[in-house]
Amino acid sequence: MESRETRQVNEFKLVDDQGKEYTVFEYQVGTEKPSLKWIKFGPTSFRLSDGTAVDKIDDNTFRTLDKVLHRQQP
């Protein structure tokens, strides 16, 4: 039987309107197959490095309770 777990799948930088940088981690619920392939089962969630939940508005814009954050351009 496979067990579902939440795993970090991505990490990227965001910046607020005052220029302060934040690291955001993307998590997915899924399971690891014997082939070590990660199979996604649930929705994606985002959190700041301190654990604060972040809502995705679009691919480049995210929101916390008190800030709007934008993905940094390389």
PDB file of N, CA and C in Angstrom:
ATOM      1  N   MET A   1       0.836  -1.186   0.000  1.00  0.00           N
ATOM      2  CA  MET A   1       0.000   0.000   0.000  1.00  0.00           C
ATOM      3  C   MET A   1       0.881   1.249   0.000  1.00  0.00           C
ATOM      4  N   GLU A   2       0.464   2.225  -0.775  1.00  0.00           N
ATOM      5  CA  GLU A   2       1.225   3.462  -0.883  1.00  0.00           C
ATOM      6  C   GLU A   2       0.726   4.463   0.159  1.00  0.00           C
ATOM      7  N   SER A   3       1.651   5.207   0.724  1.00  0.00           N
ATOM      8  CA  SER A   3       1.242   6.231   1.689  1.00  0.00           C
ATOM      9  C   SER A   3       1.404   7.613   1.065  1.00  0.00           C
ATOM     10  N   ARG A   4       0.437   8.451   1.316  1.00  0.00           N
ATOM     11  CA  ARG A   4       0.488   9.821   0.808  1.00  0.00           C
ATOM     12  C   ARG A   4       1.277  10.679   1.780  1.00  0.00           C
ATOM     13  N   GLU A   5       2.056  11.573   1.234  1.00  0.00           N
ATOM     14  CA  GLU A   5       2.828  12.498   2.051  1.00  0.00           C
ATOM     15  C   GLU A   5       2.941  13.818   1.326  1.00  0.00           C
ATOM     16  N   THR A   6       3.272  14.864   2.075  1.00  0.00           N
ATOM     17  CA  THR A   6       3.494  16.186   1.490  1.00  0.00           C
ATOM     18  C   THR A   6       4.991  16.363   1.300  1.00  0.00           C
ATOM     19  N   ARG A   7       5.364  16.781   0.115  1.00  0.00           N
ATOM     20  CA  ARG A   7       6.777  16.919  -0.219  1.00  0.00           C
ATOM     21  C   ARG A   7       7.033  18.271  -0.862  1.00  0.00           C
ATOM     22  N   GLN A   8       8.174  18.873  -0.515  1.00  0.00           N
ATOM     23  CA  GLN A   8       8.594  20.112  -1.167  1.00  0.00           C
ATOM     24  C   GLN A   8       9.060  19.765  -2.572  1.00  0.00           C
ATOM     25  N   VAL A   9       8.513  20.465  -3.570  1.00  0.00           N
ATOM     26  CA  VAL A   9       8.862  20.174  -4.959  1.00  0.00           C
ATOM     27  C   VAL A   9       9.529  21.344  -5.670  1.00  0.00           C
ATOM     28  N   ASN A  10       9.507  22.521  -5.052  1.00  0.00           N
ATOM     29  CA  ASN A  10      10.098  23.675  -5.720  1.00  0.00           C
ATOM     30  C   ASN A  10      10.392  24.757  -4.682  1.00  0.00           C
ATOM     31  N   GLU A  11      11.281  25.658  -5.030  1.00  0.00           N
ATOM     32  CA  GLU A  11      11.638  26.792  -4.178  1.00  0.00           C
ATOM     33  C   GLU A  11      11.956  27.965  -5.095  1.00  0.00           C
ATOM     34  N   PHE A  12      11.445  29.140  -4.766  1.00  0.00           N
ATOM     35  CA  PHE A  12      11.754  30.312  -5.577  1.00  0.00           C
ATOM     36  C   PHE A  12      11.668  31.568  -4.728  1.00  0.00           C
ATOM     37  N   LYS A  13      12.149  32.672  -5.274  1.00  0.00           N
ATOM     38  CA  LYS A  13      12.214  33.959  -4.568  1.00  0.00           C
ATOM     39  C   LYS A  13      11.085  34.863  -5.022  1.00  0.00           C
ATOM     40  N   LEU A  14      10.501  35.578  -4.028  1.00  0.00           N
ATOM     41  CA  LEU A  14       9.498  36.601  -4.287  1.00  0.00           C
ATOM     42  C   LEU A  14       9.953  37.886  -3.627  1.00  0.00           C
ATOM     43  N   VAL A  15       9.395  39.008  -4.073  1.00  0.00           N
ATOM     44  CA  VAL A  15       9.732  40.311  -3.501  1.00  0.00           C
ATOM     45  C   VAL A  15       8.430  41.086  -3.291  1.00  0.00           C
ATOM     46  N   ASP A  16       8.362  41.858  -2.186  1.00  0.00           N
ATOM     47  CA  ASP A  16       7.171  42.678  -1.946  1.00  0.00           C
ATOM     48  C   ASP A  16       7.368  44.058  -2.560  1.00  0.00           C
ATOM     49  N   ASP A  17       6.378  44.931  -2.394  1.00  0.00           N
ATOM     50  CA  ASP A  17       6.424  46.261  -3.006  1.00  0.00           C
ATOM     51  C   ASP A  17       7.516  47.157  -2.431  1.00  0.00           C
ATOM     52  N   GLN A  18       8.042  46.825  -1.239  1.00  0.00           N
ATOM     53  CA  GLN A  18       9.131  47.595  -0.644  1.00  0.00           C
ATOM     54  C   GLN A  18      10.501  47.004  -0.995  1.00  0.00           C
ATOM     55  N   GLY A  19      10.531  45.939  -1.771  1.00  0.00           N
ATOM     56  CA  GLY A  19      11.796  45.342  -2.187  1.00  0.00           C
ATOM     57  C   GLY A  19      12.327  44.267  -1.266  1.00  0.00           C
ATOM     58  N   LYS A  20      11.598  43.914  -0.217  1.00  0.00           N
ATOM     59  CA  LYS A  20      12.041  42.858   0.696  1.00  0.00           C
ATOM     60  C   LYS A  20      11.844  41.493   0.029  1.00  0.00           C
ATOM     61  N   GLU A  21      12.874  40.635   0.116  1.00  0.00           N
ATOM     62  CA  GLU A  21      12.840  39.328  -0.534  1.00  0.00           C
ATOM     63  C   GLU A  21      12.314  38.247   0.405  1.00  0.00           C
ATOM     64  N   TYR A  22      11.613  37.290  -0.179  1.00  0.00           N
ATOM     65  CA  TYR A  22      11.070  36.145   0.544  1.00  0.00           C
ATOM     66  C   TYR A  22      11.372  34.873  -0.244  1.00  0.00           C
ATOM     67  N   THR A  23      11.582  33.784   0.477  1.00  0.00           N
ATOM     68  CA  THR A  23      11.718  32.479  -0.152  1.00  0.00           C
ATOM     69  C   THR A  23      10.400  31.744   0.026  1.00  0.00           C
ATOM     70  N   VAL A  24       9.855  31.229  -1.070  1.00  0.00           N
ATOM     71  CA  VAL A  24       8.605  30.491  -1.040  1.00  0.00           C
ATOM     72  C   VAL A  24       8.873  29.059  -1.461  1.00  0.00           C
ATOM     73  N   PHE A  25       8.267  28.137  -0.737  1.00  0.00           N
ATOM     74  CA  PHE A  25       8.398  26.715  -1.035  1.00  0.00           C
ATOM     75  C   PHE A  25       7.067  26.204  -1.563  1.00  0.00           C
ATOM     76  N   GLU A  26       7.131  25.393  -2.610  1.00  0.00           N
ATOM     77  CA  GLU A  26       5.945  24.772  -3.191  1.00  0.00           C
ATOM     78  C   GLU A  26       5.889  23.315  -2.731  1.00  0.00           C
ATOM     79  N   TYR A  27       4.721  22.898  -2.274  1.00  0.00           N
ATOM     80  CA  TYR A  27       4.530  21.534  -1.766  1.00  0.00           C
ATOM     81  C   TYR A  27       3.427  20.837  -2.544  1.00  0.00           C
ATOM     82  N   GLN A  28       3.557  19.518  -2.694  1.00  0.00           N
ATOM     83  CA  GLN A  28       2.509  18.704  -3.306  1.00  0.00           C
ATOM     84  C   GLN A  28       2.283  17.472  -2.448  1.00  0.00           C
ATOM     85  N   VAL A  29       1.025  17.032  -2.406  1.00  0.00           N
ATOM     86  CA  VAL A  29       0.694  15.775  -1.751  1.00  0.00           C
ATOM     87  C   VAL A  29       0.780  14.684  -2.809  1.00  0.00           C
ATOM     88  N   GLY A  30       1.453  13.599  -2.481  1.00  0.00           N
ATOM     89  CA  GLY A  30       1.601  12.523  -3.447  1.00  0.00           C
ATOM     90  C   GLY A  30       2.201  11.304  -2.799  1.00  0.00           C
ATOM     91  N   THR A  31       2.706  10.424  -3.630  1.00  0.00           N
ATOM     92  CA  THR A  31       3.337   9.202  -3.154  1.00  0.00           C
ATOM     93  C   THR A  31       4.524   8.880  -4.044  1.00  0.00           C
ATOM     94  N   GLU A  32       5.487   8.189  -3.491  1.00  0.00           N
ATOM     95  CA  GLU A  32       6.662   7.794  -4.251  1.00  0.00           C
ATOM     96  C   GLU A  32       6.488   6.341  -4.689  1.00  0.00           C
ATOM     97  N   LYS A  33       6.565   6.086  -5.989  1.00  0.00           N
ATOM     98  CA  LYS A  33       6.449   4.740  -6.538  1.00  0.00           C
ATOM     99  C   LYS A  33       7.773   4.001  -6.333  1.00  0.00           C
ATOM    100  N   PRO A  34       7.768   2.679  -6.438  1.00  0.00           N
ATOM    101  CA  PRO A  34       9.022   1.919  -6.304  1.00  0.00           C
ATOM    102  C   PRO A  34      10.120   2.396  -7.263  1.00  0.00           C
ATOM    103  N   SER A  35       9.730   2.982  -8.397  1.00  0.00           N
ATOM    104  CA  SER A  35      10.702   3.504  -9.354  1.00  0.00           C
ATOM    105  C   SER A  35      11.277   4.846  -8.917  1.00  0.00           C
ATOM    106  N   LEU A  36      10.883   5.331  -7.719  1.00  0.00           N
ATOM    107  CA  LEU A  36      11.289   6.624  -7.150  1.00  0.00           C
ATOM    108  C   LEU A  36      10.662   7.807  -7.874  1.00  0.00           C
ATOM    109  N   LYS A  37       9.638   7.541  -8.697  1.00  0.00           N
ATOM    110  CA  LYS A  37       8.914   8.610  -9.364  1.00  0.00           C
ATOM    111  C   LYS A  37       7.860   9.161  -8.409  1.00  0.00           C
ATOM    112  N   TRP A  38       7.772  10.487  -8.281  1.00  0.00           N
ATOM    113  CA  TRP A  38       6.806  11.135  -7.402  1.00  0.00           C
ATOM    114  C   TRP A  38       5.491  11.288  -8.157  1.00  0.00           C
ATOM    115  N   ILE A  39       4.418  10.751  -7.610  1.00  0.00           N
ATOM    116  CA  ILE A  39       3.102  10.826  -8.223  1.00  0.00           C
ATOM    117  C   ILE A  39       2.245  11.788  -7.409  1.00  0.00           C
ATOM    118  N   LYS A  40       1.784  12.855  -8.033  1.00  0.00           N
ATOM    119  CA  LYS A  40       0.986  13.877  -7.357  1.00  0.00           C
ATOM    120  C   LYS A  40      -0.450  13.391  -7.181  1.00  0.00           C
ATOM    121  N   PHE A  41      -1.021  13.602  -5.981  1.00  0.00           N
ATOM    122  CA  PHE A  41      -2.405  13.249  -5.695  1.00  0.00           C
ATOM    123  C   PHE A  41      -3.268  14.444  -5.350  1.00  0.00           C
ATOM    124  N   GLY A  42      -2.694  15.446  -4.778  1.00  0.00           N
ATOM    125  CA  GLY A  42      -3.484  16.560  -4.261  1.00  0.00           C
ATOM    126  C   GLY A  42      -3.068  17.881  -4.853  1.00  0.00           C
ATOM    127  N   PRO A  43      -3.690  18.943  -4.356  1.00  0.00           N
ATOM    128  CA  PRO A  43      -3.375  20.284  -4.853  1.00  0.00           C
ATOM    129  C   PRO A  43      -1.990  20.749  -4.399  1.00  0.00           C
ATOM    130  N   THR A  44      -1.494  21.746  -5.091  1.00  0.00           N
ATOM    131  CA  THR A  44      -0.227  22.378  -4.734  1.00  0.00           C
ATOM    132  C   THR A  44      -0.491  23.429  -3.662  1.00  0.00           C
ATOM    133  N   SER A  45       0.411  23.543  -2.695  1.00  0.00           N
ATOM    134  CA  SER A  45       0.309  24.602  -1.689  1.00  0.00           C
ATOM    135  C   SER A  45       1.644  25.327  -1.611  1.00  0.00           C
ATOM    136  N   PHE A  46       1.607  26.557  -1.135  1.00  0.00           N
ATOM    137  CA  PHE A  46       2.795  27.391  -1.056  1.00  0.00           C
ATOM    138  C   PHE A  46       2.932  27.926   0.362  1.00  0.00           C
ATOM    139  N   ARG A  47       4.176  28.020   0.851  1.00  0.00           N
ATOM    140  CA  ARG A  47       4.456  28.563   2.181  1.00  0.00           C
ATOM    141  C   ARG A  47       5.760  29.343   2.144  1.00  0.00           C
ATOM    142  N   LEU A  48       5.817  30.407   2.974  1.00  0.00           N
ATOM    143  CA  LEU A  48       7.080  31.110   3.174  1.00  0.00           C
ATOM    144  C   LEU A  48       8.003  30.223   3.994  1.00  0.00           C
ATOM    145  N   SER A  49       9.263  30.599   4.071  1.00  0.00           N
ATOM    146  CA  SER A  49      10.237  29.806   4.825  1.00  0.00           C
ATOM    147  C   SER A  49       9.884  29.699   6.301  1.00  0.00           C
ATOM    148  N   ASP A  50       9.096  30.648   6.838  1.00  0.00           N
ATOM    149  CA  ASP A  50       8.688  30.567   8.247  1.00  0.00           C
ATOM    150  C   ASP A  50       7.399  29.770   8.443  1.00  0.00           C
ATOM    151  N   GLY A  51       6.840  29.211   7.363  1.00  0.00           N
ATOM    152  CA  GLY A  51       5.640  28.388   7.448  1.00  0.00           C
ATOM    153  C   GLY A  51       4.345  29.124   7.135  1.00  0.00           C
ATOM    154  N   THR A  52       4.419  30.445   6.934  1.00  0.00           N
ATOM    155  CA  THR A  52       3.231  31.229   6.616  1.00  0.00           C
ATOM    156  C   THR A  52       2.653  30.787   5.272  1.00  0.00           C
ATOM    157  N   ALA A  53       1.353  30.524   5.247  1.00  0.00           N
ATOM    158  CA  ALA A  53       0.698  30.123   4.006  1.00  0.00           C
ATOM    159  C   ALA A  53       0.681  31.284   3.015  1.00  0.00           C
ATOM    160  N   VAL A  54       0.824  30.956   1.738  1.00  0.00           N
ATOM    161  CA  VAL A  54       0.819  31.937   0.658  1.00  0.00           C
ATOM    162  C   VAL A  54      -0.189  31.477  -0.383  1.00  0.00           C
ATOM    163  N   ASP A  55      -1.065  32.383  -0.820  1.00  0.00           N
ATOM    164  CA  ASP A  55      -2.045  32.069  -1.853  1.00  0.00           C
ATOM    165  C   ASP A  55      -1.517  32.496  -3.212  1.00  0.00           C
ATOM    166  N   LYS A  56      -1.665  31.618  -4.189  1.00  0.00           N
ATOM    167  CA  LYS A  56      -1.234  31.934  -5.550  1.00  0.00           C
ATOM    168  C   LYS A  56      -2.345  32.691  -6.261  1.00  0.00           C
ATOM    169  N   ILE A  57      -2.014  33.862  -6.789  1.00  0.00           N
ATOM    170  CA  ILE A  57      -2.961  34.631  -7.579  1.00  0.00           C
ATOM    171  C   ILE A  57      -2.790  34.255  -9.049  1.00  0.00           C
ATOM    172  N   ASP A  58      -1.560  34.306  -9.522  1.00  0.00           N
ATOM    173  CA  ASP A  58      -1.207  33.813 -10.853  1.00  0.00           C
ATOM    174  C   ASP A  58       0.244  33.338 -10.786  1.00  0.00           C
ATOM    175  N   ASP A  59       0.837  32.961 -11.897  1.00  0.00           N
ATOM    176  CA  ASP A  59       2.187  32.387 -11.881  1.00  0.00           C
ATOM    177  C   ASP A  59       3.248  33.333 -11.345  1.00  0.00           C
ATOM    178  N   ASN A  60       2.988  34.636 -11.383  1.00  0.00           N
ATOM    179  CA  ASN A  60       3.986  35.608 -10.950  1.00  0.00           C
ATOM    180  C   ASN A  60       3.578  36.406  -9.717  1.00  0.00           C
ATOM    181  N   THR A  61       2.379  36.183  -9.185  1.00  0.00           N
ATOM    182  CA  THR A  61       1.864  36.986  -8.076  1.00  0.00           C
ATOM    183  C   THR A  61       1.293  36.088  -6.987  1.00  0.00           C
ATOM    184  N   PHE A  62       1.677  36.369  -5.746  1.00  0.00           N
ATOM    185  CA  PHE A  62       1.239  35.589  -4.595  1.00  0.00           C
ATOM    186  C   PHE A  62       0.825  36.551  -3.494  1.00  0.00           C
ATOM    187  N   ARG A  63       0.042  36.065  -2.524  1.00  0.00           N
ATOM    188  CA  ARG A  63      -0.461  36.951  -1.480  1.00  0.00           C
ATOM    189  C   ARG A  63      -0.374  36.262  -0.112  1.00  0.00           C
ATOM    190  N   THR A  64       0.084  37.016   0.889  1.00  0.00           N
ATOM    191  CA  THR A  64      -0.032  36.604   2.285  1.00  0.00           C
ATOM    192  C   THR A  64      -1.181  37.424   2.869  1.00  0.00           C
ATOM    193  N   LEU A  65      -1.408  37.337   4.159  1.00  0.00           N
ATOM    194  CA  LEU A  65      -2.494  38.115   4.759  1.00  0.00           C
ATOM    195  C   LEU A  65      -2.285  39.615   4.624  1.00  0.00           C
ATOM    196  N   ASP A  66      -1.029  40.064   4.631  1.00  0.00           N
ATOM    197  CA  ASP A  66      -0.777  41.508   4.631  1.00  0.00           C
ATOM    198  C   ASP A  66       0.109  42.018   3.502  1.00  0.00           C
ATOM    199  N   LYS A  67       0.491  41.151   2.572  1.00  0.00           N
ATOM    200  CA  LYS A  67       1.423  41.569   1.505  1.00  0.00           C
ATOM    201  C   LYS A  67       1.049  40.922   0.168  1.00  0.00           C
ATOM    202  N   VAL A  68       1.373  41.624  -0.901  1.00  0.00           N
ATOM    203  CA  VAL A  68       1.340  41.033  -2.231  1.00  0.00           C
ATOM    204  C   VAL A  68       2.785  40.864  -2.650  1.00  0.00           C
ATOM    205  N   LEU A  69       3.127  39.651  -3.091  1.00  0.00           N
ATOM    206  CA  LEU A  69       4.496  39.318  -3.473  1.00  0.00           C
ATOM    207  C   LEU A  69       4.557  38.997  -4.951  1.00  0.00           C
ATOM    208  N   HIS A  70       5.681  39.351  -5.560  1.00  0.00           N
ATOM    209  CA  HIS A  70       5.858  39.135  -6.996  1.00  0.00           C
ATOM    210  C   HIS A  70       7.096  38.283  -7.230  1.00  0.00           C
ATOM    211  N   ARG A  71       7.015  37.403  -8.199  1.00  0.00           N
ATOM    212  CA  ARG A  71       8.165  36.561  -8.550  1.00  0.00           C
ATOM    213  C   ARG A  71       9.259  37.439  -9.124  1.00  0.00           C
ATOM    214  N   GLN A  72      10.482  37.187  -8.668  1.00  0.00           N
ATOM    215  CA  GLN A  72      11.619  37.947  -9.183  1.00  0.00           C
ATOM    216  C   GLN A  72      11.958  37.475 -10.582  1.00  0.00           C
ATOM    217  N   GLN A  73      12.280  38.423 -11.415  1.00  0.00           N
ATOM    218  CA  GLN A  73      12.690  38.095 -12.781  1.00  0.00           C
ATOM    219  C   GLN A  73      14.194  37.854 -12.795  1.00  0.00           C
ATOM    220  N   PRO A  74      14.645  36.793 -13.466  1.00  0.00           N
ATOM    221  CA  PRO A  74      16.087  36.485 -13.479  1.00  0.00           C
ATOM    222  C   PRO A  74      16.924  37.510 -14.195  1.00  0.00           C
TER     223      PRO A  74
END
